[in-house]
Amino acid sequence: MDEGRKRVLLIAATILAARKLGQMDGRMLVSPAAESAIADAISLAEKIMRKIDAKWPSVVGAKS
């Protein structure tokens, strides 16, 4: 995975995790619930990226 895709995945996971962490209402961010929310957000962001890649595959050798 190239650095650009890693950054996109990080941004998507951060947005998804922020929703869940915001609902934790001030509970400690270093908790099993917070770790689970972050892991779930990463998994969901990866799934979204795979679906995007399946629908719009990159063309090898194409100029941007």
PDB file of N, CA and C in Angstrom:
ATOM      1  N   MET A   1       0.855  -1.167   0.000  1.00  0.00           N
ATOM      2  CA  MET A   1       0.000   0.000   0.000  1.00  0.00           C
ATOM      3  C   MET A   1       0.903   1.233   0.000  1.00  0.00           C
ATOM      4  N   ASP A   2       0.631   2.158  -0.912  1.00  0.00           N
ATOM      5  CA  ASP A   2       1.481   3.341  -0.977  1.00  0.00           C
ATOM      6  C   ASP A   2       1.101   4.359   0.104  1.00  0.00           C
ATOM      7  N   GLU A   3       1.967   5.331   0.298  1.00  0.00           N
ATOM      8  CA  GLU A   3       1.774   6.315   1.377  1.00  0.00           C
ATOM      9  C   GLU A   3       0.499   7.132   1.205  1.00  0.00           C
ATOM     10  N   GLY A   4       0.145   7.461  -0.036  1.00  0.00           N
ATOM     11  CA  GLY A   4      -1.086   8.229  -0.278  1.00  0.00           C
ATOM     12  C   GLY A   4      -2.319   7.477   0.177  1.00  0.00           C
ATOM     13  N   ARG A   5      -2.376   6.190  -0.132  1.00  0.00           N
ATOM     14  CA  ARG A   5      -3.527   5.369   0.282  1.00  0.00           C
ATOM     15  C   ARG A   5      -3.560   5.215   1.800  1.00  0.00           C
ATOM     16  N   LYS A   6      -2.394   5.109   2.421  1.00  0.00           N
ATOM     17  CA  LYS A   6      -2.352   5.015   3.880  1.00  0.00           C
ATOM     18  C   LYS A   6      -2.930   6.279   4.509  1.00  0.00           C
ATOM     19  N   ARG A   7      -2.609   7.426   3.930  1.00  0.00           N
ATOM     20  CA  ARG A   7      -3.124   8.691   4.465  1.00  0.00           C
ATOM     21  C   ARG A   7      -4.641   8.779   4.309  1.00  0.00           C
ATOM     22  N   VAL A   8      -5.137   8.355   3.152  1.00  0.00           N
ATOM     23  CA  VAL A   8      -6.584   8.374   2.924  1.00  0.00           C
ATOM     24  C   VAL A   8      -7.276   7.458   3.921  1.00  0.00           C
ATOM     25  N   LEU A   9      -6.713   6.280   4.130  1.00  0.00           N
ATOM     26  CA  LEU A   9      -7.273   5.325   5.084  1.00  0.00           C
ATOM     27  C   LEU A   9      -7.255   5.898   6.497  1.00  0.00           C
ATOM     28  N   LEU A  10      -6.177   6.570   6.855  1.00  0.00           N
ATOM     29  CA  LEU A  10      -6.064   7.190   8.176  1.00  0.00           C
ATOM     30  C   LEU A  10      -7.144   8.260   8.364  1.00  0.00           C
ATOM     31  N   ILE A  11      -7.332   9.098   7.371  1.00  0.00           N
ATOM     32  CA  ILE A  11      -8.341  10.158   7.476  1.00  0.00           C
ATOM     33  C   ILE A  11      -9.738   9.564   7.611  1.00  0.00           C
ATOM     34  N   ALA A  12     -10.050   8.572   6.785  1.00  0.00           N
ATOM     35  CA  ALA A  12     -11.373   7.943   6.853  1.00  0.00           C
ATOM     36  C   ALA A  12     -11.586   7.274   8.208  1.00  0.00           C
ATOM     37  N   ALA A  13     -10.593   6.545   8.692  1.00  0.00           N
ATOM     38  CA  ALA A  13     -10.713   5.862   9.986  1.00  0.00           C
ATOM     39  C   ALA A  13     -10.841   6.871  11.124  1.00  0.00           C
ATOM     40  N   THR A  14     -10.133   7.978  11.016  1.00  0.00           N
ATOM     41  CA  THR A  14     -10.213   9.007  12.061  1.00  0.00           C
ATOM     42  C   THR A  14     -11.615   9.590  12.147  1.00  0.00           C
ATOM     43  N   ILE A  15     -12.207   9.874  11.001  1.00  0.00           N
ATOM     44  CA  ILE A  15     -13.573  10.416  10.979  1.00  0.00           C
ATOM     45  C   ILE A  15     -14.552   9.405  11.562  1.00  0.00           C
ATOM     46  N   LEU A  16     -14.424   8.143  11.150  1.00  0.00           N
ATOM     47  CA  LEU A  16     -15.328   7.109  11.649  1.00  0.00           C
ATOM     48  C   LEU A  16     -15.147   6.890  13.155  1.00  0.00           C
ATOM     49  N   ALA A  17     -13.907   6.888  13.623  1.00  0.00           N
ATOM     50  CA  ALA A  17     -13.643   6.685  15.052  1.00  0.00           C
ATOM     51  C   ALA A  17     -14.139   7.870  15.869  1.00  0.00           C
ATOM     52  N   ALA A  18     -14.015   9.072  15.331  1.00  0.00           N
ATOM     53  CA  ALA A  18     -14.429  10.270  16.067  1.00  0.00           C
ATOM     54  C   ALA A  18     -15.910  10.212  16.425  1.00  0.00           C
ATOM     55  N   ARG A  19     -16.714   9.679  15.530  1.00  0.00           N
ATOM     56  CA  ARG A  19     -18.152   9.551  15.830  1.00  0.00           C
ATOM     57  C   ARG A  19     -18.380   8.690  17.068  1.00  0.00           C
ATOM     58  N   LYS A  20     -17.728   7.546  17.101  1.00  0.00           N
ATOM     59  CA  LYS A  20     -17.896   6.630  18.242  1.00  0.00           C
ATOM     60  C   LYS A  20     -17.285   7.192  19.517  1.00  0.00           C
ATOM     61  N   LEU A  21     -16.087   7.744  19.401  1.00  0.00           N
ATOM     62  CA  LEU A  21     -15.418   8.272  20.583  1.00  0.00           C
ATOM     63  C   LEU A  21     -16.171   9.471  21.154  1.00  0.00           C
ATOM     64  N   GLY A  22     -16.815  10.241  20.295  1.00  0.00           N
ATOM     65  CA  GLY A  22     -17.608  11.376  20.753  1.00  0.00           C
ATOM     66  C   GLY A  22     -18.818  10.951  21.568  1.00  0.00           C
ATOM     67  N   GLN A  23     -19.295   9.748  21.315  1.00  0.00           N
ATOM     68  CA  GLN A  23     -20.451   9.222  22.045  1.00  0.00           C
ATOM     69  C   GLN A  23     -20.062   8.634  23.403  1.00  0.00           C
ATOM     70  N   MET A  24     -18.770   8.519  23.659  1.00  0.00           N
ATOM     71  CA  MET A  24     -18.325   7.904  24.909  1.00  0.00           C
ATOM     72  C   MET A  24     -18.467   8.860  26.085  1.00  0.00           C
ATOM     73  N   ASP A  25     -18.819  10.075  25.819  1.00  0.00           N
ATOM     74  CA  ASP A  25     -19.198  11.052  26.844  1.00  0.00           C
ATOM     75  C   ASP A  25     -18.139  11.229  27.928  1.00  0.00           C
ATOM     76  N   GLY A  26     -16.917  11.515  27.499  1.00  0.00           N
ATOM     77  CA  GLY A  26     -15.875  11.846  28.465  1.00  0.00           C
ATOM     78  C   GLY A  26     -15.185  10.668  29.120  1.00  0.00           C
ATOM     79  N   ARG A  27     -15.564   9.460  28.774  1.00  0.00           N
ATOM     80  CA  ARG A  27     -14.861   8.310  29.342  1.00  0.00           C
ATOM     81  C   ARG A  27     -13.429   8.294  28.843  1.00  0.00           C
ATOM     82  N   MET A  28     -12.592   7.606  29.557  1.00  0.00           N
ATOM     83  CA  MET A  28     -11.171   7.568  29.198  1.00  0.00           C
ATOM     84  C   MET A  28     -10.987   7.031  27.790  1.00  0.00           C
ATOM     85  N   LEU A  29     -10.095   7.666  27.036  1.00  0.00           N
ATOM     86  CA  LEU A  29      -9.824   7.226  25.675  1.00  0.00           C
ATOM     87  C   LEU A  29      -8.932   5.995  25.638  1.00  0.00           C
ATOM     88  N   VAL A  30      -8.304   5.674  26.756  1.00  0.00           N
ATOM     89  CA  VAL A  30      -7.484   4.464  26.830  1.00  0.00           C
ATOM     90  C   VAL A  30      -8.296   3.414  27.581  1.00  0.00           C
ATOM     91  N   SER A  31      -9.212   2.807  26.859  1.00  0.00           N
ATOM     92  CA  SER A  31     -10.075   1.793  27.447  1.00  0.00           C
ATOM     93  C   SER A  31     -10.371   0.746  26.383  1.00  0.00           C
ATOM     94  N   PRO A  32     -10.850  -0.412  26.791  1.00  0.00           N
ATOM     95  CA  PRO A  32     -11.202  -1.431  25.805  1.00  0.00           C
ATOM     96  C   PRO A  32     -12.268  -0.940  24.820  1.00  0.00           C
ATOM     97  N   ALA A  33     -13.201  -0.134  25.289  1.00  0.00           N
ATOM     98  CA  ALA A  33     -14.250   0.388  24.398  1.00  0.00           C
ATOM     99  C   ALA A  33     -13.656   1.321  23.348  1.00  0.00           C
ATOM    100  N   ALA A  34     -12.715   2.164  23.763  1.00  0.00           N
ATOM    101  CA  ALA A  34     -12.070   3.079  22.822  1.00  0.00           C
ATOM    102  C   ALA A  34     -11.223   2.288  21.824  1.00  0.00           C
ATOM    103  N   GLU A  35     -10.465   1.314  22.304  1.00  0.00           N
ATOM    104  CA  GLU A  35      -9.657   0.483  21.412  1.00  0.00           C
ATOM    105  C   GLU A  35     -10.545  -0.229  20.393  1.00  0.00           C
ATOM    106  N   SER A  36     -11.679  -0.720  20.839  1.00  0.00           N
ATOM    107  CA  SER A  36     -12.615  -1.391  19.944  1.00  0.00           C
ATOM    108  C   SER A  36     -13.195  -0.430  18.910  1.00  0.00           C
ATOM    109  N   ALA A  37     -13.533   0.776  19.327  1.00  0.00           N
ATOM    110  CA  ALA A  37     -14.080   1.777  18.402  1.00  0.00           C
ATOM    111  C   ALA A  37     -13.053   2.117  17.328  1.00  0.00           C
ATOM    112  N   ILE A  38     -11.798   2.233  17.711  1.00  0.00           N
ATOM    113  CA  ILE A  38     -10.742   2.553  16.749  1.00  0.00           C
ATOM    114  C   ILE A  38     -10.529   1.384  15.791  1.00  0.00           C
ATOM    115  N   ALA A  39     -10.469   0.167  16.314  1.00  0.00           N
ATOM    116  CA  ALA A  39     -10.278  -1.016  15.468  1.00  0.00           C
ATOM    117  C   ALA A  39     -11.444  -1.176  14.499  1.00  0.00           C
ATOM    118  N   ASP A  40     -12.665  -0.954  14.975  1.00  0.00           N
ATOM    119  CA  ASP A  40     -13.840  -1.044  14.099  1.00  0.00           C
ATOM    120  C   ASP A  40     -13.788   0.012  13.005  1.00  0.00           C
ATOM    121  N   ALA A  41     -13.347   1.221  13.333  1.00  0.00           N
ATOM    122  CA  ALA A  41     -13.257   2.294  12.349  1.00  0.00           C
ATOM    123  C   ALA A  41     -12.231   1.964  11.273  1.00  0.00           C
ATOM    124  N   ILE A  42     -11.098   1.386  11.673  1.00  0.00           N
ATOM    125  CA  ILE A  42     -10.075   1.001  10.704  1.00  0.00           C
ATOM    126  C   ILE A  42     -10.615  -0.076   9.779  1.00  0.00           C
ATOM    127  N   SER A  43     -11.289  -1.070  10.346  1.00  0.00           N
ATOM    128  CA  SER A  43     -11.853  -2.148   9.534  1.00  0.00           C
ATOM    129  C   SER A  43     -12.881  -1.619   8.537  1.00  0.00           C
ATOM    130  N   LEU A  44     -13.724  -0.715   9.000  1.00  0.00           N
ATOM    131  CA  LEU A  44     -14.745  -0.151   8.122  1.00  0.00           C
ATOM    132  C   LEU A  44     -14.109   0.697   7.021  1.00  0.00           C
ATOM    133  N   ALA A  45     -13.100   1.482   7.360  1.00  0.00           N
ATOM    134  CA  ALA A  45     -12.414   2.294   6.348  1.00  0.00           C
ATOM    135  C   ALA A  45     -11.750   1.401   5.301  1.00  0.00           C
ATOM    136  N   GLU A  46     -11.136   0.295   5.735  1.00  0.00           N
ATOM    137  CA  GLU A  46     -10.521  -0.645   4.793  1.00  0.00           C
ATOM    138  C   GLU A  46     -11.574  -1.256   3.884  1.00  0.00           C
ATOM    139  N   LYS A  47     -12.716  -1.609   4.440  1.00  0.00           N
ATOM    140  CA  LYS A  47     -13.804  -2.192   3.653  1.00  0.00           C
ATOM    141  C   LYS A  47     -14.310  -1.191   2.613  1.00  0.00           C
ATOM    142  N   ILE A  48     -14.449   0.059   3.008  1.00  0.00           N
ATOM    143  CA  ILE A  48     -14.880   1.101   2.082  1.00  0.00           C
ATOM    144  C   ILE A  48     -13.867   1.255   0.951  1.00  0.00           C
ATOM    145  N   MET A  49     -12.575   1.269   1.293  1.00  0.00           N
ATOM    146  CA  MET A  49     -11.530   1.393   0.273  1.00  0.00           C
ATOM    147  C   MET A  49     -11.573   0.219  -0.710  1.00  0.00           C
ATOM    148  N   ARG A  50     -11.798  -0.998  -0.207  1.00  0.00           N
ATOM    149  CA  ARG A  50     -11.890  -2.164  -1.093  1.00  0.00           C
ATOM    150  C   ARG A  50     -13.072  -2.036  -2.039  1.00  0.00           C
ATOM    151  N   LYS A  51     -14.214  -1.550  -1.535  1.00  0.00           N
ATOM    152  CA  LYS A  51     -15.391  -1.384  -2.388  1.00  0.00           C
ATOM    153  C   LYS A  51     -15.150  -0.316  -3.453  1.00  0.00           C
ATOM    154  N   ILE A  52     -14.484   0.763  -3.076  1.00  0.00           N
ATOM    155  CA  ILE A  52     -14.149   1.810  -4.051  1.00  0.00           C
ATOM    156  C   ILE A  52     -13.222   1.237  -5.118  1.00  0.00           C
ATOM    157  N   ASP A  53     -12.212   0.475  -4.695  1.00  0.00           N
ATOM    158  CA  ASP A  53     -11.271  -0.120  -5.643  1.00  0.00           C
ATOM    159  C   ASP A  53     -11.969  -1.106  -6.574  1.00  0.00           C
ATOM    160  N   ALA A  54     -12.954  -1.849  -6.063  1.00  0.00           N
ATOM    161  CA  ALA A  54     -13.672  -2.815  -6.891  1.00  0.00           C
ATOM    162  C   ALA A  54     -14.524  -2.099  -7.942  1.00  0.00           C
ATOM    163  N   LYS A  55     -15.123  -0.995  -7.545  1.00  0.00           N
ATOM    164  CA  LYS A  55     -16.000  -0.266  -8.471  1.00  0.00           C
ATOM    165  C   LYS A  55     -15.197   0.558  -9.471  1.00  0.00           C
ATOM    166  N   TRP A  56     -14.105   1.189  -9.010  1.00  0.00           N
ATOM    167  CA  TRP A  56     -13.280   2.031  -9.865  1.00  0.00           C
ATOM    168  C   TRP A  56     -11.821   1.591  -9.741  1.00  0.00           C
ATOM    169  N   PRO A  57     -11.451   0.507 -10.405  1.00  0.00           N
ATOM    170  CA  PRO A  57     -10.056   0.033 -10.301  1.00  0.00           C
ATOM    171  C   PRO A  57      -9.098   1.024 -10.946  1.00  0.00           C
ATOM    172  N   SER A  58      -7.900   1.086 -10.391  1.00  0.00           N
ATOM    173  CA  SER A  58      -6.889   1.988 -10.951  1.00  0.00           C
ATOM    174  C   SER A  58      -6.378   1.388 -12.258  1.00  0.00           C
ATOM    175  N   VAL A  59      -6.030   2.262 -13.171  1.00  0.00           N
ATOM    176  CA  VAL A  59      -5.498   1.839 -14.456  1.00  0.00           C
ATOM    177  C   VAL A  59      -3.983   1.952 -14.389  1.00  0.00           C
ATOM    178  N   VAL A  60      -3.290   0.857 -14.524  1.00  0.00           N
ATOM    179  CA  VAL A  60      -1.835   0.842 -14.455  1.00  0.00           C
ATOM    180  C   VAL A  60      -1.270   1.546 -15.684  1.00  0.00           C
ATOM    181  N   GLY A  61      -0.354   2.470 -15.445  1.00  0.00           N
ATOM    182  CA  GLY A  61       0.282   3.173 -16.539  1.00  0.00           C
ATOM    183  C   GLY A  61      -0.464   4.422 -16.995  1.00  0.00           C
ATOM    184  N   ALA A  62      -1.607   4.719 -16.390  1.00  0.00           N
ATOM    185  CA  ALA A  62      -2.372   5.907 -16.779  1.00  0.00           C
ATOM    186  C   ALA A  62      -1.727   7.140 -16.170  1.00  0.00           C
ATOM    187  N   LYS A  63      -1.776   8.245 -16.883  1.00  0.00           N
ATOM    188  CA  LYS A  63      -1.240   9.506 -16.369  1.00  0.00           C
ATOM    189  C   LYS A  63      -2.311  10.209 -15.587  1.00  0.00           C
ATOM    190  N   SER A  64      -1.906  10.842 -14.469  1.00  0.00           N
ATOM    191  CA  SER A  64      -2.860  11.551 -13.614  1.00  0.00           C
ATOM    192  C   SER A  64      -3.118  12.942 -14.126  1.00  0.00           C
TER     193      SER A  64
END
